Amino acid sequence: MNDLALKPSAGITKPVLPVTLGSIALLVWALGPDTADLLRYQRDAVLDGQHWRLLTAHWVHLGWQHLAMNLGGLAVIWLLFGEVLSGLKAWVVTGGIALFTSFCLLLFHPQIEWYVGLSGLLHGLLAAGALLSLRTDQVTSWFVLLVLVGKLGVELLNGGSSQVEAMIGGPILVQGHLCGTLGGGLCAAIFALTAHLRSRKN
């Protein structure tokens, strides 16, 4: 029972998180460009006090291809790690990664004027899910972590795929992927530390 924070519990495979995130993203896309402009990460707007963009930017997409790719990625992550990204933890991790990614861009990447999409958040959820699953499924977790690190390394050296950029209709911001991954790792570390401290008290 001491490791409850890191173990699956009953009913956790219900896709409440991905369905909710996907529904919001679909709604934002359906509402059109005006809504997207109001919600996307826009550095100057955030600095002018429109702080909601730090969170809502992750719901905005460049088009249906961009949206479809991200929703597909969200589904895969949930299939892999839905058991550890569950309940309240799922929402805390998701919110933490989203805000960490946006603040990271704001503080350390002033050259980035705008950002949209779930990709940074997805990288973070993948990292958090793999790290939180290390104790229960080391093979899958280590494989995912190695692939994730390799992908980030290639992107940092060579930039995003030009084919994918052409498909989604805009640039791939590797910085967002990196910030999201770091945010996911931080969230996983916080949960692991919390579980460890609880176990010591008991």
Protein backbone atom coordinates (compact mmCIF):
# COMPACT_ATOMS: atom_id res chain seq x y z
CA MET A 1 0.00 0.00 0.00
CA ASN A 2 2.97 2.33 0.48
CA ASP A 3 3.53 2.49 -3.27
CA LEU A 4 -0.06 3.36 -4.06
CA ALA A 5 0.93 6.61 -5.79
CA LEU A 6 2.93 4.64 -8.35
CA LYS A 7 0.67 1.65 -8.88
CA PRO A 8 -2.46 1.15 -10.98
CA SER A 9 -5.81 1.20 -9.24
CA ALA A 10 -9.29 0.10 -10.19
CA GLY A 11 -10.92 1.87 -13.09
CA ILE A 12 -7.85 3.81 -14.13
CA THR A 13 -7.97 2.68 -17.75
CA LYS A 14 -11.09 4.74 -18.38
CA PRO A 15 -9.98 7.26 -21.01
CA VAL A 16 -11.35 10.33 -19.24
CA LEU A 17 -8.20 12.39 -19.73
CA PRO A 18 -7.59 11.71 -23.44
CA VAL A 19 -11.27 12.03 -24.29
CA THR A 20 -11.52 15.35 -22.47
CA LEU A 21 -8.32 16.75 -23.98
CA GLY A 22 -9.29 15.52 -27.42
CA SER A 23 -12.78 16.99 -27.15
CA ILE A 24 -11.44 20.40 -26.13
CA ALA A 25 -8.91 20.38 -28.97
CA LEU A 26 -11.61 19.38 -31.47
CA LEU A 27 -13.90 22.14 -30.21
CA VAL A 28 -11.17 24.76 -30.49
CA TRP A 29 -10.40 23.61 -34.04
CA ALA A 30 -14.09 23.68 -34.97
CA LEU A 31 -14.50 27.24 -33.65
CA GLY A 32 -12.02 28.46 -36.22
CA PRO A 33 -9.08 30.87 -36.60
CA ASP A 34 -10.45 33.66 -34.39
CA THR A 35 -10.64 31.34 -31.39
CA ALA A 36 -7.22 29.91 -32.21
CA ASP A 37 -5.72 33.39 -32.29
CA LEU A 38 -7.24 34.14 -28.89
CA LEU A 39 -5.96 30.95 -27.26
CA ARG A 40 -2.55 30.22 -28.78
CA TYR A 41 0.73 30.98 -27.02
CA GLN A 42 1.69 34.46 -28.19
CA ARG A 43 4.70 35.78 -26.33
CA ASP A 44 3.86 39.49 -26.48
CA ALA A 45 0.24 38.82 -25.49
CA VAL A 46 1.30 36.73 -22.49
CA LEU A 47 3.66 39.48 -21.37
CA ASP A 48 0.77 41.94 -21.71
CA GLY A 49 -1.22 39.93 -19.17
CA GLN A 50 -3.08 37.32 -21.26
CA HIS A 51 -1.82 34.53 -19.04
CA TRP A 52 -4.51 32.01 -20.03
CA ARG A 53 -2.52 31.42 -23.24
CA LEU A 54 0.11 29.56 -21.20
CA LEU A 55 -2.43 26.75 -20.80
CA THR A 56 -4.80 27.09 -23.75
CA ALA A 57 -2.01 27.11 -26.35
CA HIS A 58 -1.84 23.32 -26.10
CA TRP A 59 -5.44 23.00 -27.34
CA VAL A 60 -4.81 24.94 -30.55
CA HIS A 61 -3.69 23.27 -33.79
CA LEU A 62 -2.58 24.42 -37.23
CA GLY A 63 -5.13 22.26 -39.04
CA TRP A 64 -6.87 18.92 -39.01
CA GLN A 65 -3.69 17.03 -39.96
CA HIS A 66 -1.84 18.51 -37.00
CA LEU A 67 -4.78 17.74 -34.72
CA ALA A 68 -5.16 14.17 -36.00
CA MET A 69 -1.47 13.41 -35.47
CA ASN A 70 -1.54 14.71 -31.92
CA LEU A 71 -4.76 12.91 -31.01
CA GLY A 72 -3.29 9.70 -32.40
CA GLY A 73 -0.22 10.22 -30.24
CA LEU A 74 -2.38 10.87 -27.19
CA ALA A 75 -4.25 7.59 -27.79
CA VAL A 76 -0.99 5.62 -28.05
CA ILE A 77 0.36 7.16 -24.84
CA TRP A 78 -2.84 6.28 -23.02
CA LEU A 79 -2.68 2.68 -24.27
CA LEU A 80 0.89 2.41 -23.02
CA PHE A 81 0.68 4.27 -19.74
CA GLY A 82 -2.97 4.91 -18.92
CA GLU A 83 -2.65 2.73 -15.82
CA VAL A 84 -0.14 5.03 -14.14
CA LEU A 85 -1.45 8.30 -15.57
CA SER A 86 -4.76 7.96 -13.80
CA GLY A 87 -7.34 9.86 -11.80
CA LEU A 88 -6.28 13.11 -10.17
CA LYS A 89 -2.64 12.34 -10.94
CA ALA A 90 -3.40 12.51 -14.67
CA TRP A 91 -4.78 16.03 -14.38
CA VAL A 92 -2.00 17.26 -12.11
CA VAL A 93 0.67 15.88 -14.45
CA THR A 94 -1.07 17.23 -17.55
CA GLY A 95 -1.51 20.71 -16.10
CA GLY A 96 2.01 20.72 -14.73
CA ILE A 97 3.58 19.73 -18.05
CA ALA A 98 1.50 22.21 -20.02
CA LEU A 99 2.41 25.13 -17.78
CA PHE A 100 6.04 24.08 -17.45
CA THR A 101 6.37 23.93 -21.24
CA SER A 102 4.85 27.36 -21.74
CA PHE A 103 6.86 28.99 -18.96
CA CYS A 104 10.02 27.35 -20.27
CA LEU A 105 9.39 28.87 -23.71
CA LEU A 106 8.59 32.24 -22.16
CA LEU A 107 11.67 32.38 -19.93
CA PHE A 108 14.34 30.65 -21.98
CA HIS A 109 13.28 31.00 -25.61
CA PRO A 110 12.36 34.64 -26.22
CA GLN A 111 12.91 34.14 -29.96
CA ILE A 112 9.79 31.96 -30.12
CA GLU A 113 6.90 34.34 -30.70
CA TRP A 114 4.10 31.78 -30.91
CA TYR A 115 3.39 28.12 -30.20
CA VAL A 116 0.43 25.77 -30.62
CA GLY A 117 -0.31 22.08 -30.30
CA LEU A 118 -0.26 19.12 -27.96
CA SER A 119 3.16 17.83 -29.01
CA GLY A 120 5.10 19.32 -26.09
CA LEU A 121 2.51 17.98 -23.66
CA LEU A 122 2.58 14.58 -25.38
CA HIS A 123 6.35 14.34 -25.01
CA GLY A 124 5.94 15.16 -21.33
CA LEU A 125 3.19 12.60 -20.78
CA LEU A 126 5.30 9.98 -22.54
CA ALA A 127 8.28 10.73 -20.29
CA ALA A 128 6.16 10.81 -17.13
CA GLY A 129 4.33 7.61 -18.02
CA ALA A 130 7.54 5.73 -18.78
CA LEU A 131 9.26 6.91 -15.60
CA LEU A 132 6.27 6.10 -13.41
CA SER A 133 6.04 2.63 -14.99
CA LEU A 134 9.68 1.67 -14.42
CA ARG A 135 8.83 -0.39 -11.34
CA THR A 136 6.08 -2.37 -13.05
CA ASP A 137 7.17 -2.67 -16.70
CA GLN A 138 10.86 -2.00 -17.17
CA VAL A 139 11.08 -3.31 -20.74
CA THR A 140 8.43 -0.99 -22.16
CA SER A 141 9.51 1.94 -20.01
CA TRP A 142 13.21 1.77 -20.92
CA PHE A 143 12.40 1.24 -24.59
CA VAL A 144 10.14 4.30 -24.66
CA LEU A 145 12.68 6.41 -22.78
CA LEU A 146 15.48 5.43 -25.17
CA VAL A 147 13.32 6.19 -28.21
CA LEU A 148 12.25 9.51 -26.69
CA VAL A 149 15.83 10.56 -25.92
CA GLY A 150 16.97 9.47 -29.37
CA LYS A 151 14.17 11.39 -31.06
CA LEU A 152 14.98 14.54 -29.11
CA GLY A 153 18.67 14.16 -29.91
CA VAL A 154 18.00 13.89 -33.63
CA GLU A 155 15.63 16.87 -33.54
CA LEU A 156 18.06 19.03 -31.60
CA LEU A 157 20.83 18.24 -34.09
CA ASN A 158 18.84 18.34 -37.33
CA GLY A 159 15.60 20.16 -36.54
CA GLY A 160 12.10 18.85 -37.13
CA SER A 161 11.13 16.65 -40.04
CA SER A 162 10.47 18.73 -43.15
CA GLN A 163 7.90 16.16 -44.31
CA VAL A 164 5.95 16.49 -41.07
CA GLU A 165 6.20 20.28 -41.23
CA ALA A 166 4.74 20.22 -44.72
CA MET A 167 1.95 17.93 -43.54
CA ILE A 168 0.91 20.03 -40.55
CA GLY A 169 1.41 23.35 -42.30
CA GLY A 170 3.90 24.93 -39.92
CA PRO A 171 7.24 24.60 -38.14
CA ILE A 172 8.04 21.94 -35.56
CA LEU A 173 9.30 23.63 -32.42
CA VAL A 174 11.81 21.20 -31.00
CA GLN A 175 12.16 23.46 -27.95
CA GLY A 176 8.55 22.68 -27.07
CA HIS A 177 9.26 18.95 -27.24
CA LEU A 178 12.30 19.32 -25.01
CA CYS A 179 10.51 21.54 -22.47
CA GLY A 180 7.59 19.14 -22.36
CA THR A 181 9.87 16.17 -21.78
CA LEU A 182 11.65 17.96 -18.95
CA GLY A 183 8.30 18.90 -17.44
CA GLY A 184 7.14 15.29 -17.57
CA GLY A 185 10.33 14.11 -15.94
CA LEU A 186 9.94 16.70 -13.19
CA CYS A 187 6.33 15.71 -12.52
CA ALA A 188 7.29 12.02 -12.34
CA ALA A 189 10.12 12.83 -9.93
CA ILE A 190 7.77 14.78 -7.67
CA PHE A 191 5.28 11.91 -7.52
CA ALA A 192 8.06 9.38 -6.88
CA LEU A 193 9.52 11.53 -4.10
CA THR A 194 6.09 12.01 -2.54
CA ALA A 195 5.50 8.25 -2.55
CA HIS A 196 8.92 7.65 -1.01
CA LEU A 197 8.31 10.15 1.79
CA ARG A 198 4.92 8.61 2.51
CA SER A 199 6.46 5.15 2.72
CA ARG A 200 9.07 6.38 5.19
CA LYS A 201 6.39 7.88 7.41
CA ASN A 202 4.54 4.59 7.45
